[in-house]
């Protein structure tokens, strides 16, 4: 199993993806919500509301308990939350950063077993890469499992991806 995935081909920049660090990325999504079409808009609003609410809740708790949360205690709480659950990452930002040629039409996933799976550019832009299960990196046929954005392959994700080639 590869620990990283390379995006190459008809792109301005060949990039390497390291899913082991995505657990700390704000773009990650819980897999339970990954296939909700309204997810992106709701996520932005929820994140904005949660940030405001969290600050207010911390203030009230500090007044009530007489203890002020520290950066260390907040970091430990955030780390604990990140280490639980199944997590995915949208593929679109990585494709955008690679800068695909305007005439690129597909992304070919080269699997470790030698097989190839073709996705249209639209399918690839909507794809979700699951990188954690039960808060742990995916090792079995990982480092990611690819799901179509509409979830049609929930029972049979694309596994063992070593290279994504834009063609």
N, C-alpha and C. Protein backbone atom coordinates (compact mmCIF):
# COMPACT_ATOMS: atom_id res chain seq x y z
N UNK A 1 0.83 -1.17 0.00
CA UNK A 1 0.00 0.00 0.00
C UNK A 1 0.89 1.24 0.00
N UNK A 2 0.52 2.18 -0.83
CA UNK A 2 1.23 3.46 -0.87
C UNK A 2 0.69 4.36 0.25
N UNK A 3 1.55 5.20 0.79
CA UNK A 3 1.11 6.14 1.82
C UNK A 3 0.66 7.46 1.22
N UNK A 4 1.06 7.71 -0.03
CA UNK A 4 0.71 8.95 -0.71
C UNK A 4 0.13 8.62 -2.08
N UNK A 5 -0.55 9.61 -2.65
CA UNK A 5 -1.13 9.47 -3.98
C UNK A 5 -0.62 10.63 -4.82
N UNK A 6 -0.21 10.34 -6.03
CA UNK A 6 0.29 11.36 -6.94
C UNK A 6 -0.80 11.72 -7.94
N UNK A 7 -1.00 13.03 -8.15
CA UNK A 7 -1.86 13.51 -9.23
C UNK A 7 -0.94 14.04 -10.31
N UNK A 8 -1.03 13.45 -11.51
CA UNK A 8 -0.13 13.82 -12.60
C UNK A 8 -0.89 13.80 -13.91
N UNK A 9 -0.18 14.00 -14.99
CA UNK A 9 -0.78 13.95 -16.32
C UNK A 9 -0.93 15.33 -16.90
N UNK A 10 -2.12 15.62 -17.44
CA UNK A 10 -2.37 16.91 -18.09
C UNK A 10 -2.69 17.96 -17.03
N UNK A 11 -1.67 18.26 -16.22
CA UNK A 11 -1.81 19.26 -15.15
C UNK A 11 -0.60 20.20 -15.20
N UNK A 12 -0.79 21.41 -14.69
CA UNK A 12 0.34 22.34 -14.60
C UNK A 12 1.33 21.88 -13.54
N UNK A 13 0.82 21.31 -12.45
CA UNK A 13 1.67 20.90 -11.32
C UNK A 13 1.36 19.47 -10.94
N UNK A 14 2.37 18.64 -10.91
CA UNK A 14 2.22 17.30 -10.34
C UNK A 14 2.24 17.48 -8.83
N UNK A 15 1.23 16.93 -8.16
CA UNK A 15 1.18 17.09 -6.70
C UNK A 15 1.08 15.73 -6.03
N UNK A 16 1.50 15.71 -4.80
CA UNK A 16 1.46 14.50 -3.97
C UNK A 16 0.49 14.73 -2.82
N UNK A 17 -0.43 13.80 -2.63
CA UNK A 17 -1.40 13.88 -1.54
C UNK A 17 -0.96 12.97 -0.40
N UNK A 18 -0.96 13.50 0.81
CA UNK A 18 -0.64 12.72 2.00
C UNK A 18 -1.86 12.71 2.91
N UNK A 19 -2.72 11.70 2.78
CA UNK A 19 -3.96 11.66 3.57
C UNK A 19 -3.75 11.55 5.08
N UNK A 20 -2.56 11.20 5.53
CA UNK A 20 -2.35 11.05 6.97
C UNK A 20 -2.43 12.38 7.71
N UNK A 21 -2.31 13.50 7.00
CA UNK A 21 -2.38 14.81 7.66
C UNK A 21 -3.75 15.47 7.52
N UNK A 22 -4.65 14.86 6.78
CA UNK A 22 -5.95 15.48 6.54
C UNK A 22 -6.82 15.55 7.78
N UNK A 23 -6.54 14.76 8.78
CA UNK A 23 -7.35 14.78 10.00
C UNK A 23 -7.34 16.17 10.63
N UNK A 24 -6.32 16.96 10.34
CA UNK A 24 -6.20 18.31 10.89
C UNK A 24 -6.72 19.38 9.92
N UNK A 25 -7.22 18.97 8.77
CA UNK A 25 -7.66 19.90 7.73
C UNK A 25 -9.13 20.27 7.95
N UNK A 26 -9.44 21.56 7.91
CA UNK A 26 -10.80 22.03 8.12
C UNK A 26 -11.76 21.64 7.01
N UNK A 27 -11.25 21.20 5.87
CA UNK A 27 -12.11 20.81 4.75
C UNK A 27 -12.67 19.40 4.89
N UNK A 28 -12.20 18.65 5.86
CA UNK A 28 -12.66 17.27 6.01
C UNK A 28 -14.15 17.25 6.35
N UNK A 29 -14.82 16.16 5.97
CA UNK A 29 -16.25 16.02 6.23
C UNK A 29 -16.51 14.66 6.87
N UNK A 30 -17.46 14.60 7.80
CA UNK A 30 -17.84 13.29 8.33
C UNK A 30 -18.46 12.47 7.20
N UNK A 31 -18.09 11.22 7.07
CA UNK A 31 -18.61 10.40 5.99
C UNK A 31 -20.13 10.25 6.06
N UNK A 32 -20.70 10.36 7.24
CA UNK A 32 -22.15 10.26 7.38
C UNK A 32 -22.85 11.42 6.65
N UNK A 33 -22.14 12.52 6.44
CA UNK A 33 -22.71 13.69 5.76
C UNK A 33 -22.12 13.90 4.37
N UNK A 34 -21.23 13.04 3.93
CA UNK A 34 -20.48 13.27 2.70
C UNK A 34 -21.33 13.31 1.45
N UNK A 35 -22.48 12.65 1.45
CA UNK A 35 -23.26 12.55 0.23
C UNK A 35 -24.51 13.43 0.25
N UNK A 36 -24.56 14.37 1.17
CA UNK A 36 -25.67 15.30 1.27
C UNK A 36 -25.42 16.46 0.31
N UNK A 37 -26.30 16.68 -0.68
CA UNK A 37 -26.06 17.74 -1.66
C UNK A 37 -25.97 19.14 -1.06
N UNK A 38 -26.61 19.35 0.06
CA UNK A 38 -26.59 20.68 0.68
C UNK A 38 -25.43 20.82 1.66
N UNK A 39 -24.57 19.82 1.73
CA UNK A 39 -23.49 19.76 2.70
C UNK A 39 -22.61 21.00 2.70
N UNK A 40 -22.16 21.42 1.54
CA UNK A 40 -21.18 22.51 1.50
C UNK A 40 -21.74 23.81 2.06
N UNK A 41 -22.94 24.17 1.67
CA UNK A 41 -23.53 25.40 2.17
C UNK A 41 -23.81 25.29 3.67
N UNK A 42 -24.37 24.17 4.09
CA UNK A 42 -24.67 23.96 5.50
C UNK A 42 -23.40 23.95 6.34
N UNK A 43 -22.33 23.33 5.80
CA UNK A 43 -21.06 23.27 6.54
C UNK A 43 -20.52 24.66 6.82
N UNK A 44 -20.53 25.51 5.82
CA UNK A 44 -20.01 26.86 6.01
C UNK A 44 -20.81 27.61 7.07
N UNK A 45 -22.14 27.52 6.99
CA UNK A 45 -22.99 28.21 7.98
C UNK A 45 -22.80 27.60 9.36
N UNK A 46 -22.74 26.28 9.44
CA UNK A 46 -22.59 25.61 10.73
C UNK A 46 -21.24 25.94 11.36
N UNK A 47 -20.19 25.97 10.54
CA UNK A 47 -18.86 26.28 11.07
C UNK A 47 -18.84 27.70 11.62
N UNK A 48 -19.44 28.64 10.90
CA UNK A 48 -19.48 30.02 11.36
C UNK A 48 -20.28 30.12 12.65
N UNK A 49 -21.45 29.45 12.71
CA UNK A 49 -22.27 29.48 13.92
C UNK A 49 -21.58 28.79 15.08
N UNK A 50 -20.91 27.66 14.81
CA UNK A 50 -20.24 26.91 15.87
C UNK A 50 -19.10 27.71 16.47
N UNK A 51 -18.38 28.44 15.63
CA UNK A 51 -17.28 29.24 16.15
C UNK A 51 -17.80 30.31 17.10
N UNK A 52 -18.88 30.97 16.73
CA UNK A 52 -19.47 31.99 17.60
C UNK A 52 -20.06 31.36 18.84
N UNK A 53 -20.76 30.25 18.69
CA UNK A 53 -21.38 29.59 19.81
C UNK A 53 -20.33 29.02 20.75
N UNK A 54 -19.30 28.46 20.22
CA UNK A 54 -18.25 27.88 21.04
C UNK A 54 -17.62 28.95 21.93
N UNK A 55 -17.36 30.11 21.38
CA UNK A 55 -16.77 31.19 22.17
C UNK A 55 -17.72 31.60 23.30
N UNK A 56 -19.01 31.72 22.99
CA UNK A 56 -19.99 32.08 24.00
C UNK A 56 -20.10 30.99 25.07
N UNK A 57 -20.12 29.75 24.64
CA UNK A 57 -20.21 28.64 25.60
C UNK A 57 -18.99 28.59 26.50
N UNK A 58 -17.82 28.85 25.94
CA UNK A 58 -16.60 28.86 26.76
C UNK A 58 -16.67 29.96 27.81
N UNK A 59 -17.17 31.11 27.42
CA UNK A 59 -17.29 32.24 28.34
C UNK A 59 -18.24 31.90 29.48
N UNK A 60 -19.40 31.35 29.15
CA UNK A 60 -20.40 31.00 30.17
C UNK A 60 -19.84 29.93 31.10
N UNK A 61 -19.18 28.93 30.54
CA UNK A 61 -18.60 27.86 31.36
C UNK A 61 -17.53 28.40 32.29
N UNK A 62 -16.71 29.33 31.79
CA UNK A 62 -15.67 29.91 32.62
C UNK A 62 -16.26 30.69 33.78
N UNK A 63 -17.32 31.44 33.51
CA UNK A 63 -17.98 32.18 34.58
C UNK A 63 -18.64 31.24 35.59
N UNK A 64 -19.30 30.23 35.08
CA UNK A 64 -20.02 29.28 35.93
C UNK A 64 -19.06 28.45 36.78
N UNK A 65 -18.02 27.94 36.16
CA UNK A 65 -17.12 27.01 36.85
C UNK A 65 -15.93 27.70 37.51
N UNK A 66 -15.71 28.94 37.18
CA UNK A 66 -14.57 29.64 37.75
C UNK A 66 -13.26 29.20 37.15
N UNK A 67 -13.33 28.52 36.04
CA UNK A 67 -12.10 28.08 35.38
C UNK A 67 -12.11 28.59 33.94
N UNK A 68 -10.99 29.05 33.52
CA UNK A 68 -10.88 29.55 32.15
C UNK A 68 -10.23 28.46 31.31
N UNK A 69 -10.89 28.05 30.20
CA UNK A 69 -10.27 27.06 29.33
C UNK A 69 -8.96 27.59 28.78
N UNK A 70 -8.00 26.71 28.70
CA UNK A 70 -6.70 27.11 28.16
C UNK A 70 -6.57 26.63 26.73
N UNK A 71 -5.62 27.17 26.04
CA UNK A 71 -5.37 26.73 24.67
C UNK A 71 -5.04 25.24 24.66
N UNK A 72 -4.33 24.78 25.68
CA UNK A 72 -3.94 23.37 25.75
C UNK A 72 -5.17 22.48 25.92
N UNK A 73 -6.09 22.85 26.82
CA UNK A 73 -7.27 22.01 27.03
C UNK A 73 -8.17 22.01 25.80
N UNK A 74 -8.28 23.16 25.13
CA UNK A 74 -9.08 23.23 23.91
C UNK A 74 -8.45 22.39 22.80
N UNK A 75 -7.14 22.42 22.70
CA UNK A 75 -6.45 21.63 21.68
C UNK A 75 -6.63 20.13 21.95
N UNK A 76 -6.56 19.73 23.21
CA UNK A 76 -6.77 18.33 23.54
C UNK A 76 -8.19 17.88 23.21
N UNK A 77 -9.16 18.73 23.48
CA UNK A 77 -10.56 18.41 23.16
C UNK A 77 -10.74 18.27 21.65
N UNK A 78 -10.18 19.21 20.89
CA UNK A 78 -10.29 19.16 19.43
C UNK A 78 -9.59 17.92 18.88
N UNK A 79 -8.44 17.58 19.42
CA UNK A 79 -7.71 16.40 18.95
C UNK A 79 -8.50 15.14 19.23
N UNK A 80 -9.15 15.07 20.39
CA UNK A 80 -9.95 13.89 20.73
C UNK A 80 -11.12 13.75 19.76
N UNK A 81 -11.79 14.86 19.43
CA UNK A 81 -12.90 14.80 18.50
C UNK A 81 -12.44 14.36 17.12
N UNK A 82 -11.27 14.82 16.70
CA UNK A 82 -10.75 14.47 15.38
C UNK A 82 -10.38 13.01 15.28
N UNK A 83 -10.09 12.38 16.40
CA UNK A 83 -9.65 10.99 16.39
C UNK A 83 -10.80 9.99 16.47
N UNK A 84 -11.99 10.47 16.32
CA UNK A 84 -13.15 9.59 16.35
C UNK A 84 -13.91 9.74 15.04
N UNK A 85 -14.51 8.67 14.59
CA UNK A 85 -15.38 8.74 13.44
C UNK A 85 -14.71 8.43 12.11
N UNK A 86 -15.55 8.45 11.07
CA UNK A 86 -15.12 8.19 9.70
C UNK A 86 -15.06 9.53 8.97
N UNK A 87 -13.94 9.80 8.31
CA UNK A 87 -13.72 11.11 7.70
C UNK A 87 -13.39 10.99 6.23
N UNK A 88 -13.84 11.99 5.48
CA UNK A 88 -13.54 12.07 4.06
C UNK A 88 -13.07 13.46 3.68
N UNK A 89 -12.50 13.56 2.49
CA UNK A 89 -12.00 14.84 1.99
C UNK A 89 -12.44 14.97 0.54
N UNK A 90 -13.02 16.13 0.18
CA UNK A 90 -13.36 16.34 -1.23
C UNK A 90 -12.10 16.34 -2.09
N UNK A 91 -12.19 15.73 -3.27
CA UNK A 91 -11.06 15.68 -4.19
C UNK A 91 -10.91 16.99 -4.97
N UNK A 92 -11.98 17.73 -5.14
CA UNK A 92 -11.99 18.93 -6.00
C UNK A 92 -10.87 19.93 -5.70
N UNK A 93 -10.62 20.31 -4.43
CA UNK A 93 -9.56 21.31 -4.20
C UNK A 93 -8.18 20.85 -4.67
N UNK A 94 -7.92 19.56 -4.57
CA UNK A 94 -6.62 19.05 -4.99
C UNK A 94 -6.49 19.06 -6.51
N UNK A 95 -7.58 18.71 -7.19
CA UNK A 95 -7.57 18.79 -8.65
C UNK A 95 -7.36 20.23 -9.09
N UNK A 96 -8.05 21.14 -8.43
CA UNK A 96 -7.93 22.55 -8.77
C UNK A 96 -6.48 23.03 -8.56
N UNK A 97 -5.86 22.63 -7.47
CA UNK A 97 -4.47 23.03 -7.20
C UNK A 97 -3.49 22.45 -8.21
N UNK A 98 -3.80 21.27 -8.74
CA UNK A 98 -2.93 20.67 -9.75
C UNK A 98 -3.02 21.43 -11.07
N UNK A 99 -4.11 22.15 -11.30
CA UNK A 99 -4.27 22.95 -12.52
C UNK A 99 -4.43 22.11 -13.77
N UNK A 100 -5.54 21.37 -13.86
CA UNK A 100 -5.74 20.54 -15.06
C UNK A 100 -5.84 21.39 -16.33
N UNK A 101 -5.34 20.86 -17.44
CA UNK A 101 -5.46 21.53 -18.72
C UNK A 101 -6.95 21.71 -19.05
N UNK A 102 -7.30 22.77 -19.74
CA UNK A 102 -8.70 23.01 -20.09
C UNK A 102 -9.30 21.88 -20.93
N UNK A 103 -8.46 21.16 -21.68
CA UNK A 103 -8.99 20.08 -22.52
C UNK A 103 -8.99 18.72 -21.81
N UNK A 104 -8.63 18.68 -20.53
CA UNK A 104 -8.66 17.42 -19.77
C UNK A 104 -10.11 16.97 -19.62
N UNK A 105 -10.34 15.67 -19.84
CA UNK A 105 -11.71 15.15 -19.82
C UNK A 105 -11.95 14.09 -18.75
N UNK A 106 -10.88 13.53 -18.21
CA UNK A 106 -11.07 12.42 -17.27
C UNK A 106 -9.90 12.32 -16.30
N UNK A 107 -10.14 11.55 -15.24
CA UNK A 107 -9.10 11.20 -14.28
C UNK A 107 -9.06 9.68 -14.24
N UNK A 108 -7.89 9.12 -14.51
CA UNK A 108 -7.70 7.67 -14.46
C UNK A 108 -7.07 7.34 -13.11
N UNK A 109 -7.74 6.51 -12.33
CA UNK A 109 -7.18 6.03 -11.06
C UNK A 109 -6.42 4.74 -11.33
N UNK A 110 -5.11 4.78 -11.12
CA UNK A 110 -4.27 3.60 -11.27
C UNK A 110 -4.22 2.91 -9.91
N UNK A 111 -4.73 1.69 -9.86
CA UNK A 111 -4.80 0.96 -8.61
C UNK A 111 -3.56 0.11 -8.42
N UNK A 112 -3.28 -0.24 -7.19
CA UNK A 112 -2.09 -1.03 -6.86
C UNK A 112 -2.13 -2.41 -7.49
N UNK A 113 -3.32 -2.94 -7.76
CA UNK A 113 -3.43 -4.27 -8.35
C UNK A 113 -3.29 -4.23 -9.87
N UNK A 114 -2.98 -3.06 -10.45
CA UNK A 114 -2.79 -2.93 -11.88
C UNK A 114 -4.02 -2.49 -12.65
N UNK A 115 -5.17 -2.53 -12.02
CA UNK A 115 -6.40 -2.10 -12.68
C UNK A 115 -6.42 -0.58 -12.81
N UNK A 116 -7.29 -0.12 -13.70
CA UNK A 116 -7.51 1.31 -13.88
C UNK A 116 -9.00 1.59 -13.85
N UNK A 117 -9.36 2.70 -13.22
CA UNK A 117 -10.76 3.12 -13.16
C UNK A 117 -10.82 4.56 -13.67
N UNK A 118 -11.68 4.79 -14.66
CA UNK A 118 -11.80 6.13 -15.25
C UNK A 118 -12.99 6.86 -14.67
N UNK A 119 -12.77 8.12 -14.32
CA UNK A 119 -13.84 9.01 -13.87
C UNK A 119 -13.83 10.22 -14.79
N UNK A 120 -15.02 10.71 -15.16
CA UNK A 120 -15.07 11.96 -15.90
C UNK A 120 -14.55 13.06 -14.98
N UNK A 121 -14.19 14.20 -15.54
CA UNK A 121 -13.72 15.31 -14.71
C UNK A 121 -14.81 15.74 -13.72
N UNK A 122 -16.07 15.74 -14.15
CA UNK A 122 -17.17 16.11 -13.26
C UNK A 122 -17.30 15.11 -12.10
N UNK A 123 -17.18 13.81 -12.41
CA UNK A 123 -17.24 12.80 -11.35
C UNK A 123 -16.08 12.98 -10.37
N UNK A 124 -14.89 13.24 -10.91
CA UNK A 124 -13.71 13.41 -10.06
C UNK A 124 -13.85 14.64 -9.17
N UNK A 125 -14.37 15.74 -9.72
CA UNK A 125 -14.54 16.96 -8.93
C UNK A 125 -15.56 16.78 -7.81
N UNK A 126 -16.49 15.86 -7.97
CA UNK A 126 -17.49 15.61 -6.94
C UNK A 126 -17.11 14.48 -5.98
N UNK A 127 -15.99 13.82 -6.23
CA UNK A 127 -15.60 12.65 -5.45
C UNK A 127 -15.19 13.01 -4.03
N UNK A 128 -15.38 12.04 -3.14
CA UNK A 128 -14.96 12.14 -1.75
C UNK A 128 -13.93 11.04 -1.50
N UNK A 129 -12.81 11.40 -0.88
CA UNK A 129 -11.77 10.44 -0.53
C UNK A 129 -11.86 10.15 0.96
N UNK A 130 -12.34 8.96 1.31
CA UNK A 130 -12.36 8.59 2.73
C UNK A 130 -10.94 8.24 3.14
N UNK A 131 -10.47 8.91 4.20
CA UNK A 131 -9.09 8.70 4.64
C UNK A 131 -9.00 8.16 6.07
N UNK A 132 -10.12 8.15 6.81
CA UNK A 132 -10.10 7.64 8.18
C UNK A 132 -11.35 6.84 8.47
N UNK A 133 -11.17 5.75 9.18
CA UNK A 133 -12.28 4.92 9.64
C UNK A 133 -12.08 4.72 11.13
N UNK A 134 -13.11 5.03 11.89
CA UNK A 134 -13.01 5.00 13.36
C UNK A 134 -11.84 5.84 13.86
N UNK A 135 -11.60 6.96 13.17
CA UNK A 135 -10.56 7.89 13.58
C UNK A 135 -9.15 7.46 13.25
N UNK A 136 -8.99 6.33 12.54
CA UNK A 136 -7.66 5.83 12.21
C UNK A 136 -7.45 5.87 10.70
N UNK A 137 -6.21 6.10 10.25
CA UNK A 137 -5.94 6.10 8.81
C UNK A 137 -6.33 4.76 8.18
N UNK A 138 -6.78 4.82 6.94
CA UNK A 138 -7.14 3.60 6.22
C UNK A 138 -5.86 2.92 5.76
N UNK A 139 -5.65 1.72 6.21
CA UNK A 139 -4.46 0.95 5.82
C UNK A 139 -4.83 -0.12 4.80
N UNK A 140 -5.97 -0.79 5.00
CA UNK A 140 -6.40 -1.87 4.12
C UNK A 140 -6.85 -1.29 2.79
N UNK A 141 -6.06 -1.56 1.75
CA UNK A 141 -6.35 -1.06 0.41
C UNK A 141 -6.48 0.46 0.39
N UNK A 142 -5.66 1.13 1.18
CA UNK A 142 -5.69 2.59 1.28
C UNK A 142 -4.59 3.20 0.46
N UNK A 143 -4.25 4.42 0.72
CA UNK A 143 -4.54 5.22 1.91
C UNK A 143 -5.91 5.89 1.88
N UNK A 144 -6.63 5.79 0.74
CA UNK A 144 -7.98 6.35 0.67
C UNK A 144 -8.90 5.38 -0.04
N UNK A 145 -10.18 5.56 0.18
CA UNK A 145 -11.22 4.89 -0.60
C UNK A 145 -12.00 5.99 -1.28
N UNK A 146 -12.17 5.88 -2.60
CA UNK A 146 -12.83 6.93 -3.37
C UNK A 146 -14.31 6.60 -3.54
N UNK A 147 -15.14 7.59 -3.22
CA UNK A 147 -16.59 7.47 -3.40
C UNK A 147 -17.03 8.55 -4.38
N UNK A 148 -17.96 8.18 -5.26
CA UNK A 148 -18.57 9.18 -6.14
C UNK A 148 -19.37 10.14 -5.26
N UNK A 149 -19.47 11.38 -5.67
CA UNK A 149 -20.15 12.40 -4.89
C UNK A 149 -21.61 12.10 -4.59
N UNK A 150 -22.26 11.33 -5.46
CA UNK A 150 -23.66 10.99 -5.23
C UNK A 150 -23.80 9.73 -4.37
N UNK A 151 -22.69 9.10 -4.02
CA UNK A 151 -22.71 7.94 -3.13
C UNK A 151 -23.13 6.64 -3.79
N UNK A 152 -23.19 6.60 -5.11
CA UNK A 152 -23.68 5.39 -5.78
C UNK A 152 -22.78 4.17 -5.57
N UNK A 153 -21.54 4.38 -5.14
CA UNK A 153 -20.66 3.24 -4.88
C UNK A 153 -20.35 3.09 -3.39
N UNK A 154 -21.31 3.46 -2.54
CA UNK A 154 -21.09 3.37 -1.08
C UNK A 154 -20.70 1.97 -0.64
N UNK A 155 -21.25 0.96 -1.30
CA UNK A 155 -20.95 -0.42 -0.91
C UNK A 155 -19.70 -0.97 -1.59
N UNK A 156 -19.18 -0.25 -2.58
CA UNK A 156 -18.03 -0.73 -3.32
C UNK A 156 -17.14 0.43 -3.75
N UNK A 157 -16.47 1.09 -2.79
CA UNK A 157 -15.61 2.22 -3.16
C UNK A 157 -14.40 1.76 -3.96
N UNK A 158 -13.78 2.71 -4.63
CA UNK A 158 -12.55 2.44 -5.38
C UNK A 158 -11.42 2.46 -4.37
N UNK A 159 -10.68 1.34 -4.29
CA UNK A 159 -9.65 1.18 -3.26
C UNK A 159 -8.28 0.97 -3.88
N UNK A 160 -7.26 1.19 -3.09
CA UNK A 160 -5.88 0.91 -3.51
C UNK A 160 -5.36 1.85 -4.57
N UNK A 161 -5.75 3.12 -4.50
CA UNK A 161 -5.33 4.10 -5.51
C UNK A 161 -3.88 4.50 -5.23
N UNK A 162 -3.03 4.40 -6.26
CA UNK A 162 -1.64 4.80 -6.15
C UNK A 162 -1.38 6.10 -6.89
N UNK A 163 -2.03 6.25 -8.05
CA UNK A 163 -1.81 7.42 -8.91
C UNK A 163 -3.15 7.85 -9.50
N UNK A 164 -3.34 9.15 -9.61
CA UNK A 164 -4.48 9.72 -10.34
C UNK A 164 -3.90 10.48 -11.50
N UNK A 165 -4.27 10.06 -12.70
CA UNK A 165 -3.72 10.66 -13.91
C UNK A 165 -4.83 11.43 -14.63
N UNK A 166 -4.60 12.72 -14.79
CA UNK A 166 -5.55 13.56 -15.52
C UNK A 166 -5.24 13.42 -17.00
N UNK A 167 -6.27 13.05 -17.78
CA UNK A 167 -6.09 12.85 -19.23
C UNK A 167 -7.07 13.70 -20.02
